[in-house]
């Protein structure tokens, strides 16, 4: 699907003694009428975030790829918050150390966030109440408020992406985050 929109994958592996210690699915898109391209590693790179010694090697590998591909931009999406008040990344690496390393190497946070900042995995085996109990209180409140106000969730078929898109676009405008064109989501659907 990404190829239809001008992006082509460049799989990237970081090996150590024959073992994979890092990976990224880097997408490449040419910049029209130039010899240059854009590179983007959605939701990545993937590696052991607790191993602070891997960060420089992963970043160096990505930087080398960017030079080889003549990229004018390389965007990555590590699971790392810009605010260094937190003591750790998603799994424990000292966030301040990682943020300082990124800054020293010339990386900076993008004002446009493409991927959702957080990914949540919900197991549906527990009861609905157990699932709700695992959410923060504000989320539980909003779900119950929606129920009281008559919001109903129902499955939609392929004929409904425009209803989804209308709501998504409204949320995007209200919360000021970028979204793609309707045709992109129709392709994905």
Protein backbone atom coordinates (compact mmCIF):
# COMPACT_ATOMS: atom_id res chain seq x y z
CA UNK A 1 0.00 0.00 0.00
CA UNK A 2 2.79 2.47 0.87
CA UNK A 3 4.26 1.99 -2.63
CA UNK A 4 1.04 3.42 -4.07
CA UNK A 5 1.79 6.63 -2.14
CA UNK A 6 5.43 6.86 -3.24
CA UNK A 7 7.11 5.12 -0.29
CA UNK A 8 9.38 2.10 -0.74
CA UNK A 9 10.73 -0.05 2.12
CA UNK A 10 14.39 -0.36 3.04
CA UNK A 11 14.65 -3.12 5.68
CA UNK A 12 17.46 -2.43 8.11
CA UNK A 13 19.08 -4.86 10.56
CA UNK A 14 21.79 -4.19 13.12
CA UNK A 15 23.77 -7.38 13.75
CA UNK A 16 26.08 -8.29 16.60
CA UNK A 17 27.98 -11.58 16.31
CA UNK A 18 25.40 -12.78 13.80
CA UNK A 19 22.44 -11.93 16.06
CA UNK A 20 19.91 -9.22 15.29
CA UNK A 21 20.12 -6.52 18.00
CA UNK A 22 18.14 -3.83 16.19
CA UNK A 23 15.82 -3.38 13.23
CA UNK A 24 13.84 -0.77 11.38
CA UNK A 25 11.54 -0.71 8.41
CA UNK A 26 12.75 2.51 6.83
CA UNK A 27 10.50 3.96 4.16
CA UNK A 28 12.09 5.92 1.28
CA UNK A 29 10.30 8.50 -0.82
CA UNK A 30 12.02 10.45 -3.63
CA UNK A 31 11.82 14.23 -3.65
CA UNK A 32 10.41 15.18 -7.06
CA UNK A 33 12.85 16.56 -9.62
CA UNK A 34 15.87 16.10 -7.32
CA UNK A 35 18.39 13.35 -6.61
CA UNK A 36 17.31 13.44 -2.94
CA UNK A 37 14.80 11.53 -0.83
CA UNK A 38 12.96 11.47 2.50
CA UNK A 39 13.41 8.58 4.92
CA UNK A 40 10.97 7.59 7.65
CA UNK A 41 11.09 4.75 10.20
CA UNK A 42 7.53 4.52 11.56
CA UNK A 43 7.28 3.23 15.14
CA UNK A 44 10.99 2.54 15.17
CA UNK A 45 13.77 1.74 15.23
CA UNK A 46 13.18 -1.41 17.29
CA UNK A 47 15.86 -2.57 19.71
CA UNK A 48 16.46 -3.07 23.43
CA UNK A 49 15.87 0.46 24.74
CA UNK A 50 17.38 -0.51 28.10
CA UNK A 51 20.79 -0.99 26.48
CA UNK A 52 22.06 2.58 26.35
CA UNK A 53 25.16 1.39 24.47
CA UNK A 54 22.95 0.40 21.51
CA UNK A 55 21.57 3.91 20.97
CA UNK A 56 24.78 5.34 19.40
CA UNK A 57 25.19 2.29 17.14
CA UNK A 58 21.55 2.38 15.99
CA UNK A 59 21.70 6.12 15.33
CA UNK A 60 25.03 5.79 13.47
CA UNK A 61 23.55 3.03 11.27
CA UNK A 62 20.52 5.19 10.47
CA UNK A 63 22.71 8.24 9.78
CA UNK A 64 24.90 6.21 7.40
CA UNK A 65 21.80 4.96 5.58
CA UNK A 66 20.58 8.56 5.24
CA UNK A 67 23.90 9.63 3.70
CA UNK A 68 23.95 6.63 1.32
CA UNK A 69 20.38 7.36 0.18
CA UNK A 70 21.03 11.12 -0.15
CA UNK A 71 18.23 11.84 2.29
CA UNK A 72 17.43 15.42 3.21
CA UNK A 73 15.40 14.20 6.17
CA UNK A 74 15.27 11.04 8.28
CA UNK A 75 12.36 10.82 10.69
CA UNK A 76 12.24 8.13 13.36
CA UNK A 77 9.56 7.26 15.94
CA UNK A 78 11.27 5.75 18.98
CA UNK A 79 9.00 5.28 21.98
CA UNK A 80 10.58 8.22 23.77
CA UNK A 81 8.99 11.35 25.21
CA UNK A 82 10.49 14.76 24.52
CA UNK A 83 10.02 15.75 28.15
CA UNK A 84 13.05 14.48 30.08
CA UNK A 85 11.22 14.78 33.41
CA UNK A 86 10.48 11.07 33.09
CA UNK A 87 13.22 8.85 34.48
CA UNK A 88 13.04 6.29 31.72
CA UNK A 89 12.00 5.36 28.22
CA UNK A 90 9.37 2.67 27.75
CA UNK A 91 11.52 -0.02 29.32
CA UNK A 92 13.98 1.70 31.60
CA UNK A 93 16.85 3.37 29.72
CA UNK A 94 17.65 6.71 31.33
CA UNK A 95 15.65 9.16 29.21
CA UNK A 96 17.95 12.08 30.00
CA UNK A 97 20.98 10.16 28.68
CA UNK A 98 19.16 9.23 25.47
CA UNK A 99 17.79 12.75 24.94
CA UNK A 100 21.25 14.24 25.45
CA UNK A 101 22.74 11.75 22.96
CA UNK A 102 20.08 12.61 20.35
CA UNK A 103 20.70 16.33 20.84
CA UNK A 104 24.49 15.93 20.63
CA UNK A 105 24.12 14.07 17.32
CA UNK A 106 21.89 16.81 15.87
CA UNK A 107 18.52 15.03 16.17
CA UNK A 108 15.48 17.07 17.20
CA UNK A 109 11.83 16.41 17.89
CA UNK A 110 9.45 17.03 15.02
CA UNK A 111 6.54 19.42 15.52
CA UNK A 112 4.41 17.04 13.43
CA UNK A 113 3.67 13.68 14.98
CA UNK A 114 2.51 11.14 12.40
CA UNK A 115 2.09 8.03 14.53
CA UNK A 116 0.08 7.87 17.70
CA UNK A 117 2.31 8.70 20.63
CA UNK A 118 1.28 5.67 22.63
CA UNK A 119 0.31 2.17 21.63
CA UNK A 120 -1.95 0.27 24.00
CA UNK A 121 -2.58 -3.46 23.84
CA UNK A 122 -5.90 -4.53 25.35
CA UNK A 123 -6.58 -8.20 26.05
CA UNK A 124 -10.28 -9.01 25.69
CA UNK A 125 -10.32 -12.15 27.84
CA UNK A 126 -10.97 -10.27 31.09
CA UNK A 127 -14.44 -8.91 31.81
CA UNK A 128 -15.40 -5.44 30.61
CA UNK A 129 -15.15 -4.16 34.19
CA UNK A 130 -11.62 -5.59 34.55
CA UNK A 131 -10.60 -3.93 31.28
CA UNK A 132 -12.04 -0.61 32.48
CA UNK A 133 -10.30 -1.01 35.85
CA UNK A 134 -6.96 -1.15 33.99
CA UNK A 135 -7.58 2.28 32.42
CA UNK A 136 -6.92 5.61 34.06
CA UNK A 137 -9.87 7.27 35.78
CA UNK A 138 -10.33 9.98 33.13
CA UNK A 139 -10.61 7.35 30.36
CA UNK A 140 -13.16 5.36 32.40
CA UNK A 141 -15.12 8.56 33.03
CA UNK A 142 -15.18 9.47 29.32
CA UNK A 143 -16.28 5.96 28.30
CA UNK A 144 -19.13 5.96 30.80
CA UNK A 145 -20.11 9.51 29.85
CA UNK A 146 -20.29 8.47 26.20
CA UNK A 147 -22.57 5.56 27.15
CA UNK A 148 -24.87 7.89 29.11
CA UNK A 149 -25.01 10.24 26.13
CA UNK A 150 -26.07 7.43 23.83
CA UNK A 151 -22.84 6.74 21.95
CA UNK A 152 -22.97 3.27 20.42
CA UNK A 153 -20.13 1.31 18.87
CA UNK A 154 -20.94 -0.85 15.88
CA UNK A 155 -18.98 -2.65 13.22
CA UNK A 156 -18.76 -0.91 9.86
CA UNK A 157 -18.03 -2.49 6.52
CA UNK A 158 -15.96 -1.24 3.64
CA UNK A 159 -18.78 1.13 2.64
CA UNK A 160 -18.25 3.28 5.76
CA UNK A 161 -14.75 4.82 5.58
CA UNK A 162 -16.14 8.29 4.82
CA UNK A 163 -18.06 8.32 8.15
CA UNK A 164 -14.87 7.31 9.96
CA UNK A 165 -12.88 9.93 8.06
CA UNK A 166 -15.35 12.72 8.82
CA UNK A 167 -15.03 12.02 12.57
CA UNK A 168 -11.27 11.60 12.31
CA UNK A 169 -10.89 14.92 10.42
CA UNK A 170 -13.03 16.70 13.00
CA UNK A 171 -10.88 15.29 15.82
CA UNK A 172 -7.72 16.21 13.91
CA UNK A 173 -8.84 19.81 13.52
CA UNK A 174 -9.92 20.08 17.16
CA UNK A 175 -6.79 18.47 18.62
CA UNK A 176 -4.40 19.89 15.99
CA UNK A 177 -2.74 16.73 14.65
CA UNK A 178 -2.10 15.93 10.98
CA UNK A 179 -3.95 13.18 9.10
CA UNK A 180 -3.72 11.77 5.60
CA UNK A 181 -6.16 12.13 2.70
CA UNK A 182 -9.33 10.00 2.63
CA UNK A 183 -7.95 8.01 -0.31
CA UNK A 184 -5.06 6.79 1.87
CA UNK A 185 -7.46 5.28 4.41
CA UNK A 186 -9.66 3.84 1.66
CA UNK A 187 -6.59 2.03 0.31
CA UNK A 188 -5.79 0.70 3.78
CA UNK A 189 -9.41 -0.38 4.32
